[in-house]
């Protein structure tokens, strides 16, 4: 029988993944919260790399967390299992960990998502690689679930705000007027 979790502690789950050297991108609700969405989430959703030995390291992290599949069995975290299953849901004392090998909207999984993902500092040395807002919006749109479509409007607004912030952050070049000197180097030398 699966263990009941006491409370949701996403930082503990992410810290275990980092301690074991698991290459993954944080996706789902927690990634959306980190990017600025105003939602509540109860799981850590990741998209792991299928690189050499990475799933083995993921298995070690799951073992460290005391993870079990929802039916109470030990999780099978092999290339075949992660690739064949849409989502592998694990229960840990720190909360739910969901492993998504190929998320809807990002068919190449980790390879697609890592390009625009950024490391985010969450305190206590935890720095997960978090999917970009654009990728999160693409995945939410592709799922066509009511809760994801509701979140999509927030994600699109965050994209707009980020674009506005980048526009403001760019320095505006000075306006040059013909016939007027704009700097000391363009003035004629005085004798």
N, C-alpha and C. Protein backbone atom coordinates (compact mmCIF):
# COMPACT_ATOMS: atom_id res chain seq x y z
N UNK A 1 0.84 -1.19 0.00
CA UNK A 1 0.00 0.00 0.00
C UNK A 1 0.88 1.25 0.00
N UNK A 2 0.60 2.23 -0.85
CA UNK A 2 1.43 3.42 -0.92
C UNK A 2 1.35 4.23 0.37
N UNK A 3 2.46 4.88 0.69
CA UNK A 3 2.52 5.72 1.89
C UNK A 3 1.78 7.01 1.65
N UNK A 4 1.18 7.50 2.70
CA UNK A 4 0.56 8.81 2.63
C UNK A 4 1.62 9.86 2.89
N UNK A 5 1.54 10.95 2.18
CA UNK A 5 2.51 12.01 2.39
C UNK A 5 2.03 12.91 3.52
N UNK A 6 2.96 13.40 4.30
CA UNK A 6 2.65 14.30 5.40
C UNK A 6 2.33 15.69 4.86
N UNK A 7 3.23 16.22 4.05
CA UNK A 7 3.04 17.53 3.44
C UNK A 7 3.84 17.60 2.15
N UNK A 8 3.45 18.51 1.29
CA UNK A 8 4.13 18.67 0.01
C UNK A 8 5.40 19.49 0.22
N UNK A 9 6.55 18.90 -0.10
CA UNK A 9 7.84 19.56 0.04
C UNK A 9 8.61 19.42 -1.28
N UNK A 10 8.27 20.24 -2.27
CA UNK A 10 8.90 20.09 -3.58
C UNK A 10 10.41 20.30 -3.53
N UNK A 11 10.87 21.16 -2.63
CA UNK A 11 12.32 21.40 -2.55
C UNK A 11 13.06 20.13 -2.17
N UNK A 12 12.49 19.31 -1.29
CA UNK A 12 13.14 18.04 -0.90
C UNK A 12 13.25 17.10 -2.10
N UNK A 13 12.22 17.06 -2.92
CA UNK A 13 12.24 16.20 -4.11
C UNK A 13 13.29 16.71 -5.10
N UNK A 14 13.27 18.01 -5.36
CA UNK A 14 14.23 18.59 -6.30
C UNK A 14 15.67 18.45 -5.79
N UNK A 15 15.87 18.59 -4.48
CA UNK A 15 17.21 18.45 -3.91
C UNK A 15 17.73 17.03 -4.09
N UNK A 16 16.86 16.03 -3.91
CA UNK A 16 17.28 14.63 -4.10
C UNK A 16 17.66 14.38 -5.56
N UNK A 17 16.90 14.95 -6.48
CA UNK A 17 17.23 14.80 -7.90
C UNK A 17 18.60 15.42 -8.19
N UNK A 18 18.85 16.60 -7.64
CA UNK A 18 20.13 17.27 -7.87
C UNK A 18 21.29 16.51 -7.21
N UNK A 19 21.09 16.04 -5.97
CA UNK A 19 22.16 15.30 -5.29
C UNK A 19 22.58 14.07 -6.07
N UNK A 20 21.65 13.47 -6.78
CA UNK A 20 21.94 12.26 -7.54
C UNK A 20 22.34 12.55 -8.99
N UNK A 21 22.44 13.83 -9.34
CA UNK A 21 22.91 14.20 -10.67
C UNK A 21 21.93 13.90 -11.79
N UNK A 22 20.64 13.96 -11.50
CA UNK A 22 19.62 13.66 -12.51
C UNK A 22 19.46 14.86 -13.44
N UNK A 23 19.63 14.62 -14.73
CA UNK A 23 19.40 15.64 -15.75
C UNK A 23 17.92 15.61 -16.11
N UNK A 24 17.23 16.71 -15.80
CA UNK A 24 15.79 16.78 -16.11
C UNK A 24 15.38 18.24 -16.19
N UNK A 25 14.21 18.45 -16.78
CA UNK A 25 13.60 19.78 -16.84
C UNK A 25 12.32 19.72 -16.04
N UNK A 26 12.14 20.68 -15.15
CA UNK A 26 10.92 20.79 -14.37
C UNK A 26 9.81 21.32 -15.26
N UNK A 27 8.68 20.62 -15.28
CA UNK A 27 7.54 21.01 -16.11
C UNK A 27 6.30 21.03 -15.20
N UNK A 28 5.14 21.21 -15.77
CA UNK A 28 3.90 21.09 -15.02
C UNK A 28 3.61 22.28 -14.12
N UNK A 29 2.74 22.04 -13.14
CA UNK A 29 2.26 23.09 -12.27
C UNK A 29 3.34 23.82 -11.48
N UNK A 30 4.30 23.09 -10.94
CA UNK A 30 5.35 23.74 -10.14
C UNK A 30 6.19 24.65 -11.03
N UNK A 31 6.51 24.22 -12.23
CA UNK A 31 7.26 25.08 -13.16
C UNK A 31 6.44 26.33 -13.49
N UNK A 32 5.14 26.17 -13.65
CA UNK A 32 4.28 27.31 -13.94
C UNK A 32 4.27 28.29 -12.77
N UNK A 33 4.24 27.77 -11.55
CA UNK A 33 4.29 28.63 -10.36
C UNK A 33 5.61 29.40 -10.32
N UNK A 34 6.72 28.70 -10.56
CA UNK A 34 8.03 29.35 -10.55
C UNK A 34 8.09 30.45 -11.60
N UNK A 35 7.43 30.25 -12.73
CA UNK A 35 7.42 31.25 -13.81
C UNK A 35 6.43 32.38 -13.55
N UNK A 36 5.60 32.26 -12.50
CA UNK A 36 4.72 33.38 -12.15
C UNK A 36 3.24 33.10 -12.19
N UNK A 37 2.82 31.89 -12.51
CA UNK A 37 1.38 31.58 -12.56
C UNK A 37 0.82 31.50 -11.14
N UNK A 38 -0.40 31.94 -10.98
CA UNK A 38 -1.08 31.93 -9.69
C UNK A 38 -1.98 30.70 -9.61
N UNK A 39 -1.35 29.56 -9.33
CA UNK A 39 -2.07 28.29 -9.24
C UNK A 39 -1.56 27.52 -8.03
N UNK A 40 -2.26 26.47 -7.69
CA UNK A 40 -1.84 25.57 -6.62
C UNK A 40 -1.48 24.24 -7.26
N UNK A 41 -0.39 23.66 -6.79
CA UNK A 41 0.04 22.37 -7.33
C UNK A 41 0.41 21.44 -6.19
N UNK A 42 0.34 20.15 -6.45
CA UNK A 42 0.65 19.17 -5.41
C UNK A 42 1.64 18.11 -5.90
N UNK A 43 2.35 18.41 -6.99
CA UNK A 43 3.31 17.43 -7.49
C UNK A 43 4.49 18.12 -8.15
N UNK A 44 5.58 17.36 -8.24
CA UNK A 44 6.76 17.79 -8.98
C UNK A 44 6.75 16.96 -10.26
N UNK A 45 6.64 17.64 -11.40
CA UNK A 45 6.61 16.97 -12.69
C UNK A 45 7.93 17.24 -13.40
N UNK A 46 8.58 16.18 -13.86
CA UNK A 46 9.86 16.34 -14.54
C UNK A 46 9.86 15.59 -15.87
N UNK A 47 10.70 16.08 -16.76
CA UNK A 47 10.97 15.40 -18.02
C UNK A 47 12.46 15.08 -18.01
N UNK A 48 12.82 13.81 -17.83
CA UNK A 48 14.24 13.45 -17.71
C UNK A 48 14.93 13.27 -19.05
N UNK A 49 16.22 13.41 -19.01
CA UNK A 49 17.05 13.06 -20.16
C UNK A 49 17.14 11.54 -20.23
N UNK A 50 17.21 11.01 -21.44
CA UNK A 50 17.42 9.58 -21.63
C UNK A 50 18.90 9.29 -21.85
N UNK A 51 19.75 10.26 -21.49
CA UNK A 51 21.20 10.10 -21.66
C UNK A 51 21.74 8.95 -20.84
N UNK A 52 22.98 8.58 -21.16
CA UNK A 52 23.65 7.44 -20.51
C UNK A 52 23.58 7.56 -18.99
N UNK A 53 23.06 6.53 -18.37
CA UNK A 53 22.99 6.37 -16.91
C UNK A 53 22.09 7.36 -16.19
N UNK A 54 21.42 8.28 -16.90
CA UNK A 54 20.58 9.26 -16.22
C UNK A 54 19.38 8.62 -15.54
N UNK A 55 18.73 7.66 -16.21
CA UNK A 55 17.58 7.00 -15.59
C UNK A 55 18.01 6.16 -14.39
N UNK A 56 19.24 5.65 -14.43
CA UNK A 56 19.78 4.94 -13.26
C UNK A 56 19.92 5.91 -12.08
N UNK A 57 20.42 7.13 -12.35
CA UNK A 57 20.53 8.15 -11.30
C UNK A 57 19.14 8.58 -10.82
N UNK A 58 18.17 8.63 -11.72
CA UNK A 58 16.79 8.93 -11.33
C UNK A 58 16.27 7.85 -10.39
N UNK A 59 16.59 6.59 -10.68
CA UNK A 59 16.19 5.50 -9.80
C UNK A 59 16.81 5.63 -8.42
N UNK A 60 18.07 6.06 -8.35
CA UNK A 60 18.73 6.27 -7.06
C UNK A 60 18.06 7.40 -6.28
N UNK A 61 17.69 8.47 -6.98
CA UNK A 61 16.99 9.58 -6.33
C UNK A 61 15.63 9.12 -5.81
N UNK A 62 14.92 8.31 -6.60
CA UNK A 62 13.61 7.79 -6.17
C UNK A 62 13.78 6.91 -4.94
N UNK A 63 14.83 6.11 -4.93
CA UNK A 63 15.11 5.25 -3.77
C UNK A 63 15.42 6.11 -2.54
N UNK A 64 16.24 7.15 -2.72
CA UNK A 64 16.57 8.06 -1.62
C UNK A 64 15.31 8.70 -1.04
N UNK A 65 14.38 9.04 -1.93
CA UNK A 65 13.12 9.67 -1.50
C UNK A 65 12.13 8.67 -0.91
N UNK A 66 12.43 7.38 -1.00
CA UNK A 66 11.48 6.37 -0.53
C UNK A 66 10.26 6.28 -1.41
N UNK A 67 10.47 6.48 -2.71
CA UNK A 67 9.36 6.52 -3.66
C UNK A 67 8.81 5.13 -3.97
N UNK A 68 7.52 5.10 -4.19
CA UNK A 68 6.85 3.89 -4.64
C UNK A 68 5.82 4.30 -5.68
N UNK A 69 5.52 3.40 -6.59
CA UNK A 69 4.47 3.70 -7.58
C UNK A 69 3.13 3.74 -6.84
N UNK A 70 2.12 4.28 -7.49
CA UNK A 70 0.82 4.45 -6.84
C UNK A 70 0.22 3.12 -6.39
N UNK A 71 0.62 2.00 -7.01
CA UNK A 71 0.12 0.69 -6.58
C UNK A 71 0.98 0.08 -5.47
N UNK A 72 2.02 0.83 -5.02
CA UNK A 72 2.84 0.37 -3.92
C UNK A 72 4.08 -0.39 -4.33
N UNK A 73 4.24 -0.69 -5.61
CA UNK A 73 5.41 -1.42 -6.09
C UNK A 73 6.62 -0.50 -6.24
N UNK A 74 7.78 -1.13 -6.34
CA UNK A 74 8.99 -0.37 -6.65
C UNK A 74 8.87 0.14 -8.08
N UNK A 75 9.24 1.39 -8.31
CA UNK A 75 9.11 1.94 -9.67
C UNK A 75 10.12 1.34 -10.63
N UNK A 76 9.69 1.15 -11.87
CA UNK A 76 10.58 0.70 -12.94
C UNK A 76 10.95 1.93 -13.77
N UNK A 77 12.20 2.36 -13.66
CA UNK A 77 12.64 3.56 -14.35
C UNK A 77 13.71 3.22 -15.38
N UNK A 78 13.30 2.46 -16.38
CA UNK A 78 14.18 2.09 -17.49
C UNK A 78 13.79 2.90 -18.72
N UNK A 79 14.65 2.88 -19.74
CA UNK A 79 14.34 3.56 -20.99
C UNK A 79 12.99 3.10 -21.53
N UNK A 80 12.78 1.79 -21.52
CA UNK A 80 11.54 1.23 -22.07
C UNK A 80 10.32 1.68 -21.26
N UNK A 81 10.43 1.63 -19.93
CA UNK A 81 9.29 1.99 -19.08
C UNK A 81 8.96 3.47 -19.17
N UNK A 82 9.97 4.32 -19.08
CA UNK A 82 9.74 5.76 -19.12
C UNK A 82 9.27 6.18 -20.52
N UNK A 83 9.83 5.55 -21.55
CA UNK A 83 9.44 5.89 -22.92
C UNK A 83 8.05 5.40 -23.27
N UNK A 84 7.65 4.25 -22.74
CA UNK A 84 6.36 3.65 -23.11
C UNK A 84 5.20 4.25 -22.33
N UNK A 85 5.42 4.61 -21.08
CA UNK A 85 4.35 5.15 -20.25
C UNK A 85 4.24 6.65 -20.47
N UNK A 86 3.01 7.13 -20.52
CA UNK A 86 2.83 8.57 -20.66
C UNK A 86 3.38 9.29 -19.44
N UNK A 87 2.98 8.84 -18.27
CA UNK A 87 3.40 9.45 -17.01
C UNK A 87 3.62 8.34 -16.00
N UNK A 88 4.75 8.39 -15.31
CA UNK A 88 4.99 7.48 -14.19
C UNK A 88 4.81 8.30 -12.93
N UNK A 89 3.81 7.95 -12.13
CA UNK A 89 3.52 8.68 -10.90
C UNK A 89 4.08 7.93 -9.71
N UNK A 90 4.89 8.64 -8.92
CA UNK A 90 5.49 8.06 -7.73
C UNK A 90 5.03 8.84 -6.51
N UNK A 91 4.85 8.13 -5.41
CA UNK A 91 4.51 8.76 -4.14
C UNK A 91 5.73 8.72 -3.24
N UNK A 92 6.04 9.85 -2.62
CA UNK A 92 7.15 9.94 -1.68
C UNK A 92 6.63 10.61 -0.42
N UNK A 93 7.36 10.50 0.68
CA UNK A 93 6.95 11.24 1.88
C UNK A 93 6.92 12.76 1.67
N UNK A 94 7.65 13.26 0.67
CA UNK A 94 7.69 14.69 0.38
C UNK A 94 6.64 15.11 -0.64
N UNK A 95 5.88 14.17 -1.18
CA UNK A 95 4.85 14.50 -2.16
C UNK A 95 4.98 13.64 -3.41
N UNK A 96 4.19 13.99 -4.39
CA UNK A 96 4.12 13.23 -5.63
C UNK A 96 5.19 13.68 -6.60
N UNK A 97 5.83 12.70 -7.24
CA UNK A 97 6.81 12.95 -8.31
C UNK A 97 6.28 12.28 -9.56
N UNK A 98 6.07 13.07 -10.60
CA UNK A 98 5.60 12.53 -11.87
C UNK A 98 6.69 12.66 -12.91
N UNK A 99 6.96 11.55 -13.59
CA UNK A 99 8.02 11.48 -14.59
C UNK A 99 7.37 11.34 -15.96
N UNK A 100 7.67 12.30 -16.84
CA UNK A 100 7.06 12.34 -18.17
C UNK A 100 8.20 12.28 -19.19
N UNK A 101 8.30 11.16 -19.89
CA UNK A 101 9.38 10.99 -20.85
C UNK A 101 9.23 11.85 -22.08
N UNK A 102 8.01 11.97 -22.58
CA UNK A 102 7.74 12.74 -23.79
C UNK A 102 6.43 13.51 -23.59
N UNK A 103 6.52 14.71 -23.02
CA UNK A 103 5.29 15.47 -22.74
C UNK A 103 4.54 15.85 -24.02
N UNK A 104 3.23 15.87 -23.93
CA UNK A 104 2.40 16.34 -25.03
C UNK A 104 2.80 17.79 -25.32
N UNK A 105 3.05 18.10 -26.58
CA UNK A 105 3.48 19.44 -26.96
C UNK A 105 4.99 19.58 -27.04
N UNK A 106 5.72 18.59 -26.54
CA UNK A 106 7.19 18.59 -26.62
C UNK A 106 7.62 17.16 -26.95
N UNK A 107 7.38 16.72 -28.19
CA UNK A 107 7.56 15.31 -28.54
C UNK A 107 8.98 14.76 -28.34
N UNK A 108 9.98 15.63 -28.38
CA UNK A 108 11.35 15.14 -28.16
C UNK A 108 11.76 15.29 -26.70
N UNK A 109 10.80 15.60 -25.85
CA UNK A 109 11.02 15.63 -24.42
C UNK A 109 12.14 16.56 -23.97
N UNK A 110 13.05 16.01 -23.22
CA UNK A 110 14.16 16.77 -22.63
C UNK A 110 14.93 17.55 -23.69
N UNK A 111 15.17 16.95 -24.84
CA UNK A 111 15.93 17.61 -25.90
C UNK A 111 15.22 18.88 -26.34
N UNK A 112 13.88 18.84 -26.48
CA UNK A 112 13.11 20.02 -26.86
C UNK A 112 13.13 21.08 -25.76
N UNK A 113 12.94 20.63 -24.52
CA UNK A 113 12.71 21.55 -23.41
C UNK A 113 13.96 22.22 -22.87
N UNK A 114 15.09 21.54 -22.92
CA UNK A 114 16.29 22.10 -22.29
C UNK A 114 16.81 23.34 -23.01
N UNK A 115 16.49 23.49 -24.29
CA UNK A 115 17.01 24.62 -25.07
C UNK A 115 16.62 25.96 -24.48
N UNK A 116 15.37 26.12 -24.08
CA UNK A 116 14.89 27.40 -23.57
C UNK A 116 14.76 27.41 -22.05
N UNK A 117 15.00 26.27 -21.40
CA UNK A 117 14.89 26.19 -19.94
C UNK A 117 16.03 26.96 -19.28
N UNK A 118 15.76 27.44 -18.08
CA UNK A 118 16.79 28.16 -17.32
C UNK A 118 16.86 27.60 -15.90
N UNK A 119 18.05 27.70 -15.31
CA UNK A 119 18.22 27.31 -13.91
C UNK A 119 17.63 28.40 -13.04
N UNK A 120 16.82 28.00 -12.08
CA UNK A 120 16.20 28.96 -11.17
C UNK A 120 16.61 28.63 -9.74
N UNK A 121 17.00 29.63 -9.00
CA UNK A 121 17.43 29.46 -7.61
C UNK A 121 16.21 29.44 -6.71
N UNK A 122 16.00 28.32 -6.00
CA UNK A 122 14.84 28.19 -5.12
C UNK A 122 15.21 28.22 -3.65
N UNK A 123 16.46 28.53 -3.36
CA UNK A 123 16.92 28.58 -1.98
C UNK A 123 17.49 27.24 -1.54
N UNK A 124 18.29 27.28 -0.48
CA UNK A 124 18.93 26.09 0.09
C UNK A 124 19.76 25.34 -0.96
N UNK A 125 20.30 26.06 -1.93
CA UNK A 125 21.16 25.44 -2.94
C UNK A 125 20.43 24.68 -4.04
N UNK A 126 19.12 24.70 -4.04
CA UNK A 126 18.34 23.97 -5.05
C UNK A 126 18.17 24.87 -6.28
N UNK A 127 18.62 24.36 -7.44
CA UNK A 127 18.58 25.13 -8.68
C UNK A 127 18.12 24.25 -9.84
N UNK A 128 16.83 23.96 -9.91
CA UNK A 128 16.37 23.10 -11.01
C UNK A 128 16.37 23.83 -12.35
N UNK A 129 16.44 23.05 -13.41
CA UNK A 129 16.28 23.55 -14.76
C UNK A 129 14.77 23.59 -15.02
N UNK A 130 14.23 24.78 -15.25
CA UNK A 130 12.78 24.98 -15.35
C UNK A 130 12.41 25.31 -16.80
N UNK A 131 11.40 24.64 -17.30
CA UNK A 131 10.92 24.87 -18.67
C UNK A 131 10.54 26.34 -18.85
N UNK A 132 10.74 26.85 -20.05
CA UNK A 132 10.39 28.24 -20.36
C UNK A 132 8.87 28.41 -20.34
N UNK A 133 8.44 29.65 -20.18
CA UNK A 133 7.01 29.94 -20.20
C UNK A 133 6.41 29.55 -21.55
N UNK A 134 7.15 29.81 -22.62
CA UNK A 134 6.65 29.44 -23.95
C UNK A 134 6.44 27.95 -24.09
N UNK A 135 7.39 27.15 -23.59
CA UNK A 135 7.23 25.69 -23.64
C UNK A 135 6.10 25.22 -22.74
N UNK A 136 5.96 25.83 -21.57
CA UNK A 136 4.86 25.46 -20.67
C UNK A 136 3.52 25.77 -21.32
N UNK A 137 3.43 26.91 -22.01
CA UNK A 137 2.18 27.27 -22.70
C UNK A 137 1.90 26.29 -23.84
N UNK A 138 2.95 25.92 -24.57
CA UNK A 138 2.78 24.97 -25.69
C UNK A 138 2.26 23.62 -25.17
N UNK A 139 2.82 23.15 -24.05
CA UNK A 139 2.38 21.87 -23.49
C UNK A 139 0.95 21.97 -22.96
N UNK A 140 0.62 23.06 -22.27
CA UNK A 140 -0.73 23.23 -21.74
C UNK A 140 -1.75 23.27 -22.86
N UNK A 141 -1.41 23.98 -23.93
CA UNK A 141 -2.32 24.08 -25.08
C UNK A 141 -2.54 22.72 -25.74
N UNK A 142 -1.47 21.93 -25.84
CA UNK A 142 -1.56 20.63 -26.51
C UNK A 142 -2.35 19.60 -25.71
N UNK A 143 -2.42 19.76 -24.40
CA UNK A 143 -3.13 18.78 -23.57
C UNK A 143 -4.65 18.87 -23.70
N UNK A 144 -5.17 20.04 -23.98
CA UNK A 144 -6.61 20.26 -24.14
C UNK A 144 -7.43 19.85 -22.92
N UNK A 145 -6.83 19.88 -21.73
CA UNK A 145 -7.59 19.59 -20.52
C UNK A 145 -8.12 20.91 -19.95
N UNK A 146 -9.29 20.92 -19.34
CA UNK A 146 -9.85 22.18 -18.83
C UNK A 146 -8.89 22.94 -17.90
N UNK A 147 -8.24 22.24 -16.97
CA UNK A 147 -7.35 22.95 -16.04
C UNK A 147 -6.15 23.56 -16.77
N UNK A 148 -5.67 22.91 -17.83
CA UNK A 148 -4.55 23.46 -18.57
C UNK A 148 -4.97 24.64 -19.44
N UNK A 149 -6.16 24.57 -19.99
CA UNK A 149 -6.65 25.68 -20.80
C UNK A 149 -6.88 26.91 -19.93
N UNK A 150 -7.33 26.71 -18.67
CA UNK A 150 -7.48 27.82 -17.74
C UNK A 150 -6.12 28.46 -17.44
N UNK A 151 -5.11 27.65 -17.28
CA UNK A 151 -3.76 28.15 -16.98
C UNK A 151 -3.11 28.81 -18.19
N UNK A 152 -3.54 28.42 -19.36
CA UNK A 152 -2.94 28.93 -20.59
C UNK A 152 -3.06 30.45 -20.68
N UNK A 153 -4.18 31.00 -20.27
CA UNK A 153 -4.35 32.46 -20.30
C UNK A 153 -3.31 33.14 -19.41
N UNK A 154 -3.05 32.58 -18.24
CA UNK A 154 -2.03 33.14 -17.34
C UNK A 154 -0.65 33.06 -17.97
N UNK A 155 -0.34 31.91 -18.57
CA UNK A 155 0.97 31.74 -19.18
C UNK A 155 1.18 32.71 -20.33
N UNK A 156 0.15 32.93 -21.13
CA UNK A 156 0.26 33.88 -22.24
C UNK A 156 0.47 35.30 -21.71
N UNK A 157 -0.20 35.64 -20.61
CA UNK A 157 -0.01 36.97 -20.01
C UNK A 157 1.42 37.12 -19.49
N UNK A 158 1.97 36.07 -18.91
CA UNK A 158 3.35 36.10 -18.42
C UNK A 158 4.31 36.30 -19.59
N UNK A 159 4.04 35.64 -20.72
CA UNK A 159 4.87 35.83 -21.91
C UNK A 159 4.84 37.29 -22.34
N UNK A 160 3.65 37.90 -22.35
CA UNK A 160 3.52 39.32 -22.72
C UNK A 160 4.30 40.21 -21.77
N UNK A 161 4.19 39.94 -20.47
CA UNK A 161 4.90 40.75 -19.48
C UNK A 161 6.42 40.62 -19.63
N UNK A 162 6.88 39.40 -19.90
CA UNK A 162 8.32 39.21 -20.12
C UNK A 162 8.80 39.96 -21.35
N UNK A 163 8.00 39.96 -22.41
CA UNK A 163 8.37 40.69 -23.63
C UNK A 163 8.41 42.19 -23.34
N UNK A 164 7.43 42.69 -22.57
CA UNK A 164 7.43 44.11 -22.20
C UNK A 164 8.67 44.45 -21.36
N UNK A 165 9.02 43.58 -20.43
CA UNK A 165 10.18 43.82 -19.56
C UNK A 165 11.46 43.85 -20.39
N UNK A 166 11.58 42.97 -21.36
CA UNK A 166 12.76 42.97 -22.23
C UNK A 166 12.82 44.25 -23.06
N UNK A 167 11.67 44.71 -23.50
CA UNK A 167 11.61 45.94 -24.29
C UNK A 167 12.07 47.12 -23.45
N UNK A 168 11.64 47.19 -22.21
CA UNK A 168 12.02 48.28 -21.31
C UNK A 168 13.50 48.20 -20.95
N UNK A 169 14.01 46.99 -20.81
CA UNK A 169 15.41 46.81 -20.40
C UNK A 169 16.40 47.21 -21.48
N UNK A 170 15.99 47.21 -22.72
CA UNK A 170 16.90 47.59 -23.82
C UNK A 170 17.13 49.09 -23.78
N UNK A 171 18.38 49.51 -23.80
CA UNK A 171 18.63 50.96 -23.82
C UNK A 171 18.19 51.56 -25.15
N UNK A 172 17.59 52.70 -25.07
CA UNK A 172 17.14 53.40 -26.27
C UNK A 172 18.29 54.24 -26.80
N UNK A 173 18.63 54.07 -28.07
CA UNK A 173 19.73 54.87 -28.63
C UNK A 173 19.35 56.35 -28.66
N UNK A 174 20.32 57.24 -28.47
CA UNK A 174 20.00 58.68 -28.50
C UNK A 174 19.52 59.08 -29.90
N UNK A 175 18.65 60.05 -29.91
CA UNK A 175 18.13 60.57 -31.17
C UNK A 175 19.16 61.56 -31.72
N UNK A 176 19.57 61.36 -32.94
CA UNK A 176 20.55 62.26 -33.57
C UNK A 176 19.82 63.22 -34.49
N UNK A 177 20.18 64.45 -34.33
CA UNK A 177 19.59 65.47 -35.20
C UNK A 177 20.65 65.93 -36.18
N UNK A 178 20.28 66.04 -37.42
CA UNK A 178 21.27 66.46 -38.42
C UNK A 178 21.83 67.85 -38.09
N UNK A 179 23.13 67.99 -38.27
CA UNK A 179 23.76 69.29 -38.09
C UNK A 179 24.14 69.60 -36.65
N UNK A 180 23.81 68.74 -35.72
CA UNK A 180 24.16 68.99 -34.32
C UNK A 180 25.14 67.94 -33.86
N UNK A 181 26.09 68.34 -33.10
CA UNK A 181 27.06 67.41 -32.53
C UNK A 181 26.42 66.70 -31.35
N UNK A 182 26.66 65.39 -31.23
CA UNK A 182 26.07 64.62 -30.13
C UNK A 182 27.09 64.17 -29.11
N UNK A 183 28.39 64.37 -29.43
CA UNK A 183 29.39 63.97 -28.45
C UNK A 183 30.63 64.84 -28.62
N UNK A 184 31.48 64.75 -27.64
CA UNK A 184 32.70 65.57 -27.66
C UNK A 184 33.60 65.19 -28.83
N UNK A 185 33.56 63.94 -29.27
CA UNK A 185 34.43 63.50 -30.35
C UNK A 185 34.00 64.01 -31.71
N UNK A 186 32.75 64.45 -31.83
CA UNK A 186 32.29 64.92 -33.12
C UNK A 186 32.39 66.43 -33.26
N UNK A 187 32.84 67.14 -32.21
CA UNK A 187 33.00 68.59 -32.28
C UNK A 187 34.32 68.93 -32.96
N UNK A 188 34.33 70.03 -33.68
CA UNK A 188 35.59 70.42 -34.27
C UNK A 188 36.58 70.83 -33.20
N UNK A 189 37.83 70.51 -33.41
CA UNK A 189 38.86 70.84 -32.44
C UNK A 189 39.06 72.34 -32.38
N UNK A 190 39.23 72.85 -31.17
CA UNK A 190 39.49 74.29 -31.01
C UNK A 190 40.97 74.52 -30.84
N UNK A 191 41.45 75.63 -31.37
CA UNK A 191 42.88 75.95 -31.27
C UNK A 191 43.11 77.10 -30.35
